[in-house]
């Protein structure tokens, strides 16, 4: 049984209407990951994961925390902790 969650506004409701975004946020809440790691974990293409990361980033839920070579490491930020 799932707990009910209050959604603060329509933009947030739209953002999380895709369950993969919530899954991405859950993964990034526990550790930083690259696009390739996320794609492998979720069974999605890198293009699809990047689209979702950009949507989450635009609303302030995830950020690139470091860059190593051509790899970006993503992590959930403080907004998603509350």
N, C-alpha and C. Protein backbone atom coordinates (compact mmCIF):
# COMPACT_ATOMS: atom_id res chain seq x y z
N UNK A 1 0.84 -1.18 0.00
CA UNK A 1 0.00 0.00 0.00
C UNK A 1 0.89 1.24 0.00
N UNK A 2 0.60 2.18 -0.86
CA UNK A 2 1.38 3.41 -0.96
C UNK A 2 0.78 4.50 -0.10
N UNK A 3 1.67 5.33 0.43
CA UNK A 3 1.21 6.47 1.20
C UNK A 3 0.81 7.59 0.26
N UNK A 4 -0.18 8.34 0.63
CA UNK A 4 -0.61 9.48 -0.16
C UNK A 4 0.41 10.60 -0.01
N UNK A 5 0.67 11.29 -1.10
CA UNK A 5 1.64 12.38 -1.10
C UNK A 5 0.94 13.64 -1.59
N UNK A 6 1.10 14.73 -0.87
CA UNK A 6 0.52 16.00 -1.29
C UNK A 6 1.42 16.61 -2.35
N UNK A 7 0.85 16.98 -3.47
CA UNK A 7 1.61 17.59 -4.56
C UNK A 7 1.36 19.10 -4.50
N UNK A 8 2.45 19.88 -4.34
CA UNK A 8 2.30 21.30 -4.07
C UNK A 8 1.71 22.14 -5.20
N UNK A 9 1.92 21.73 -6.45
CA UNK A 9 1.40 22.55 -7.54
C UNK A 9 1.27 21.73 -8.81
N UNK A 10 0.65 22.31 -9.82
CA UNK A 10 0.39 21.62 -11.07
C UNK A 10 1.67 21.25 -11.81
N UNK A 11 2.68 22.11 -11.78
CA UNK A 11 3.95 21.80 -12.45
C UNK A 11 4.59 20.55 -11.85
N UNK A 12 4.55 20.43 -10.54
CA UNK A 12 5.11 19.26 -9.88
C UNK A 12 4.30 18.01 -10.22
N UNK A 13 2.99 18.15 -10.27
CA UNK A 13 2.14 17.02 -10.64
C UNK A 13 2.47 16.55 -12.05
N UNK A 14 2.65 17.47 -12.96
CA UNK A 14 3.01 17.11 -14.34
C UNK A 14 4.39 16.45 -14.39
N UNK A 15 5.32 17.00 -13.63
CA UNK A 15 6.68 16.49 -13.61
C UNK A 15 6.70 15.02 -13.20
N UNK A 16 5.94 14.68 -12.18
CA UNK A 16 5.96 13.32 -11.67
C UNK A 16 4.84 12.44 -12.21
N UNK A 17 4.17 12.90 -13.28
CA UNK A 17 3.17 12.06 -13.93
C UNK A 17 3.83 10.88 -14.63
N UNK A 18 5.13 11.00 -14.90
CA UNK A 18 5.88 9.89 -15.47
C UNK A 18 6.60 9.18 -14.32
N UNK A 19 6.27 7.92 -14.05
CA UNK A 19 6.86 7.21 -12.91
C UNK A 19 8.37 7.03 -13.00
N UNK A 20 8.93 7.08 -14.19
CA UNK A 20 10.39 6.94 -14.33
C UNK A 20 11.11 8.11 -13.67
N UNK A 21 10.51 9.28 -13.67
CA UNK A 21 11.15 10.43 -13.02
C UNK A 21 11.25 10.22 -11.51
N UNK A 22 10.22 9.66 -10.92
CA UNK A 22 10.27 9.36 -9.49
C UNK A 22 11.33 8.29 -9.21
N UNK A 23 11.46 7.33 -10.11
CA UNK A 23 12.46 6.29 -9.97
C UNK A 23 13.88 6.88 -10.06
N UNK A 24 14.07 7.78 -11.00
CA UNK A 24 15.37 8.47 -11.14
C UNK A 24 15.68 9.24 -9.87
N UNK A 25 14.71 9.97 -9.37
CA UNK A 25 14.91 10.76 -8.16
C UNK A 25 15.26 9.87 -6.97
N UNK A 26 14.61 8.73 -6.86
CA UNK A 26 14.90 7.80 -5.77
C UNK A 26 16.35 7.29 -5.87
N UNK A 27 16.77 6.92 -7.07
CA UNK A 27 18.15 6.45 -7.26
C UNK A 27 19.15 7.53 -6.91
N UNK A 28 18.89 8.76 -7.36
CA UNK A 28 19.83 9.85 -7.15
C UNK A 28 19.79 10.39 -5.73
N UNK A 29 18.80 10.00 -4.96
CA UNK A 29 18.74 10.41 -3.56
C UNK A 29 19.74 9.62 -2.71
N UNK A 30 20.08 8.42 -3.18
CA UNK A 30 20.99 7.59 -2.40
C UNK A 30 22.45 7.74 -2.81
N UNK A 31 22.70 8.14 -4.07
CA UNK A 31 24.08 8.33 -4.53
C UNK A 31 24.10 9.07 -5.85
N UNK A 32 25.26 9.61 -6.18
CA UNK A 32 25.40 10.26 -7.48
C UNK A 32 25.64 9.19 -8.53
N UNK A 33 25.12 9.46 -9.73
CA UNK A 33 25.23 8.49 -10.82
C UNK A 33 25.42 9.21 -12.14
N UNK A 34 26.03 8.52 -13.09
CA UNK A 34 26.18 9.06 -14.44
C UNK A 34 24.94 8.69 -15.26
N UNK A 35 24.83 9.33 -16.40
CA UNK A 35 23.76 9.04 -17.34
C UNK A 35 23.78 7.56 -17.73
N UNK A 36 24.95 7.03 -18.00
CA UNK A 36 25.09 5.63 -18.41
C UNK A 36 24.66 4.69 -17.29
N UNK A 37 25.04 4.99 -16.06
CA UNK A 37 24.64 4.16 -14.92
C UNK A 37 23.12 4.17 -14.75
N UNK A 38 22.53 5.35 -14.85
CA UNK A 38 21.07 5.46 -14.71
C UNK A 38 20.36 4.69 -15.82
N UNK A 39 20.83 4.85 -17.05
CA UNK A 39 20.20 4.17 -18.18
C UNK A 39 20.25 2.65 -17.99
N UNK A 40 21.39 2.14 -17.53
CA UNK A 40 21.52 0.71 -17.29
C UNK A 40 20.62 0.23 -16.17
N UNK A 41 20.55 0.98 -15.11
CA UNK A 41 19.72 0.62 -13.95
C UNK A 41 18.24 0.63 -14.30
N UNK A 42 17.83 1.59 -15.13
CA UNK A 42 16.41 1.76 -15.46
C UNK A 42 15.97 0.99 -16.69
N UNK A 43 16.94 0.50 -17.48
CA UNK A 43 16.60 -0.19 -18.72
C UNK A 43 16.06 0.74 -19.79
N UNK A 44 16.53 1.99 -19.77
CA UNK A 44 16.11 3.00 -20.74
C UNK A 44 17.31 3.45 -21.58
N UNK A 45 17.04 4.10 -22.70
CA UNK A 45 18.14 4.65 -23.48
C UNK A 45 18.71 5.87 -22.77
N UNK A 46 19.96 6.19 -23.09
CA UNK A 46 20.56 7.38 -22.49
C UNK A 46 19.80 8.63 -22.91
N UNK A 47 19.31 8.67 -24.13
CA UNK A 47 18.54 9.84 -24.59
C UNK A 47 17.28 10.04 -23.75
N UNK A 48 16.60 8.96 -23.44
CA UNK A 48 15.38 9.05 -22.63
C UNK A 48 15.71 9.51 -21.21
N UNK A 49 16.75 8.93 -20.63
CA UNK A 49 17.14 9.32 -19.27
C UNK A 49 17.56 10.79 -19.25
N UNK A 50 18.31 11.22 -20.25
CA UNK A 50 18.73 12.62 -20.29
C UNK A 50 17.53 13.56 -20.39
N UNK A 51 16.54 13.18 -21.16
CA UNK A 51 15.31 13.98 -21.24
C UNK A 51 14.69 14.13 -19.85
N UNK A 52 14.57 13.03 -19.12
CA UNK A 52 13.98 13.08 -17.79
C UNK A 52 14.86 13.86 -16.81
N UNK A 53 16.17 13.70 -16.90
CA UNK A 53 17.08 14.47 -16.05
C UNK A 53 16.93 15.97 -16.31
N UNK A 54 16.81 16.34 -17.56
CA UNK A 54 16.64 17.76 -17.89
C UNK A 54 15.32 18.30 -17.34
N UNK A 55 14.27 17.50 -17.38
CA UNK A 55 12.99 17.91 -16.82
C UNK A 55 13.10 18.09 -15.30
N UNK A 56 13.73 17.15 -14.64
CA UNK A 56 13.92 17.24 -13.18
C UNK A 56 14.83 18.40 -12.80
N UNK A 57 15.87 18.62 -13.60
CA UNK A 57 16.81 19.70 -13.34
C UNK A 57 16.14 21.07 -13.50
N UNK A 58 15.30 21.21 -14.49
CA UNK A 58 14.62 22.48 -14.74
C UNK A 58 13.73 22.89 -13.56
N UNK A 59 13.23 21.91 -12.83
CA UNK A 59 12.38 22.18 -11.66
C UNK A 59 13.17 22.18 -10.35
N UNK A 60 14.50 21.98 -10.45
CA UNK A 60 15.34 22.07 -9.27
C UNK A 60 15.44 20.80 -8.44
N UNK A 61 15.10 19.65 -9.00
CA UNK A 61 15.15 18.40 -8.23
C UNK A 61 16.48 17.67 -8.33
N UNK A 62 17.21 17.84 -9.42
CA UNK A 62 18.52 17.19 -9.57
C UNK A 62 19.51 18.19 -10.15
N UNK A 63 20.78 17.92 -9.89
CA UNK A 63 21.85 18.76 -10.40
C UNK A 63 23.04 17.90 -10.79
N UNK A 64 23.86 18.43 -11.69
CA UNK A 64 25.16 17.83 -11.96
C UNK A 64 26.06 18.28 -10.81
N UNK A 65 26.64 17.32 -10.09
CA UNK A 65 27.45 17.66 -8.92
C UNK A 65 28.94 17.67 -9.22
N UNK A 66 29.33 16.94 -10.26
CA UNK A 66 30.73 16.98 -10.68
C UNK A 66 30.86 16.44 -12.08
N UNK A 67 31.96 16.80 -12.71
CA UNK A 67 32.25 16.35 -14.07
C UNK A 67 33.64 15.72 -14.04
N UNK A 68 33.75 14.53 -14.57
CA UNK A 68 35.05 13.83 -14.64
C UNK A 68 35.23 13.39 -16.08
N UNK A 69 36.14 14.07 -16.78
CA UNK A 69 36.30 13.79 -18.21
C UNK A 69 35.03 14.22 -18.93
N UNK A 70 34.44 13.29 -19.66
CA UNK A 70 33.18 13.62 -20.36
C UNK A 70 31.96 13.07 -19.62
N UNK A 71 32.15 12.61 -18.38
CA UNK A 71 31.05 12.08 -17.58
C UNK A 71 30.54 13.12 -16.58
N UNK A 72 29.23 13.29 -16.57
CA UNK A 72 28.58 14.15 -15.58
C UNK A 72 27.96 13.25 -14.52
N UNK A 73 28.16 13.63 -13.28
CA UNK A 73 27.57 12.89 -12.16
C UNK A 73 26.38 13.69 -11.63
N UNK A 74 25.23 13.06 -11.61
CA UNK A 74 23.98 13.67 -11.18
C UNK A 74 23.65 13.23 -9.76
N UNK A 75 22.94 14.11 -9.04
CA UNK A 75 22.51 13.80 -7.68
C UNK A 75 21.22 14.57 -7.39
N UNK A 76 20.34 14.00 -6.59
CA UNK A 76 19.16 14.71 -6.14
C UNK A 76 19.63 15.83 -5.23
N UNK A 77 19.00 16.99 -5.33
CA UNK A 77 19.41 18.10 -4.46
C UNK A 77 18.48 18.23 -3.26
N UNK A 78 18.73 19.24 -2.46
CA UNK A 78 17.99 19.41 -1.20
C UNK A 78 16.49 19.55 -1.39
N UNK A 79 16.03 20.07 -2.53
CA UNK A 79 14.59 20.26 -2.74
C UNK A 79 13.85 18.93 -2.68
N UNK A 80 14.50 17.87 -3.16
CA UNK A 80 13.83 16.58 -3.20
C UNK A 80 13.85 15.87 -1.85
N UNK A 81 14.61 16.39 -0.90
CA UNK A 81 14.71 15.73 0.41
C UNK A 81 13.50 16.01 1.30
N UNK A 82 12.74 17.08 1.01
CA UNK A 82 11.65 17.45 1.88
C UNK A 82 10.38 16.82 1.52
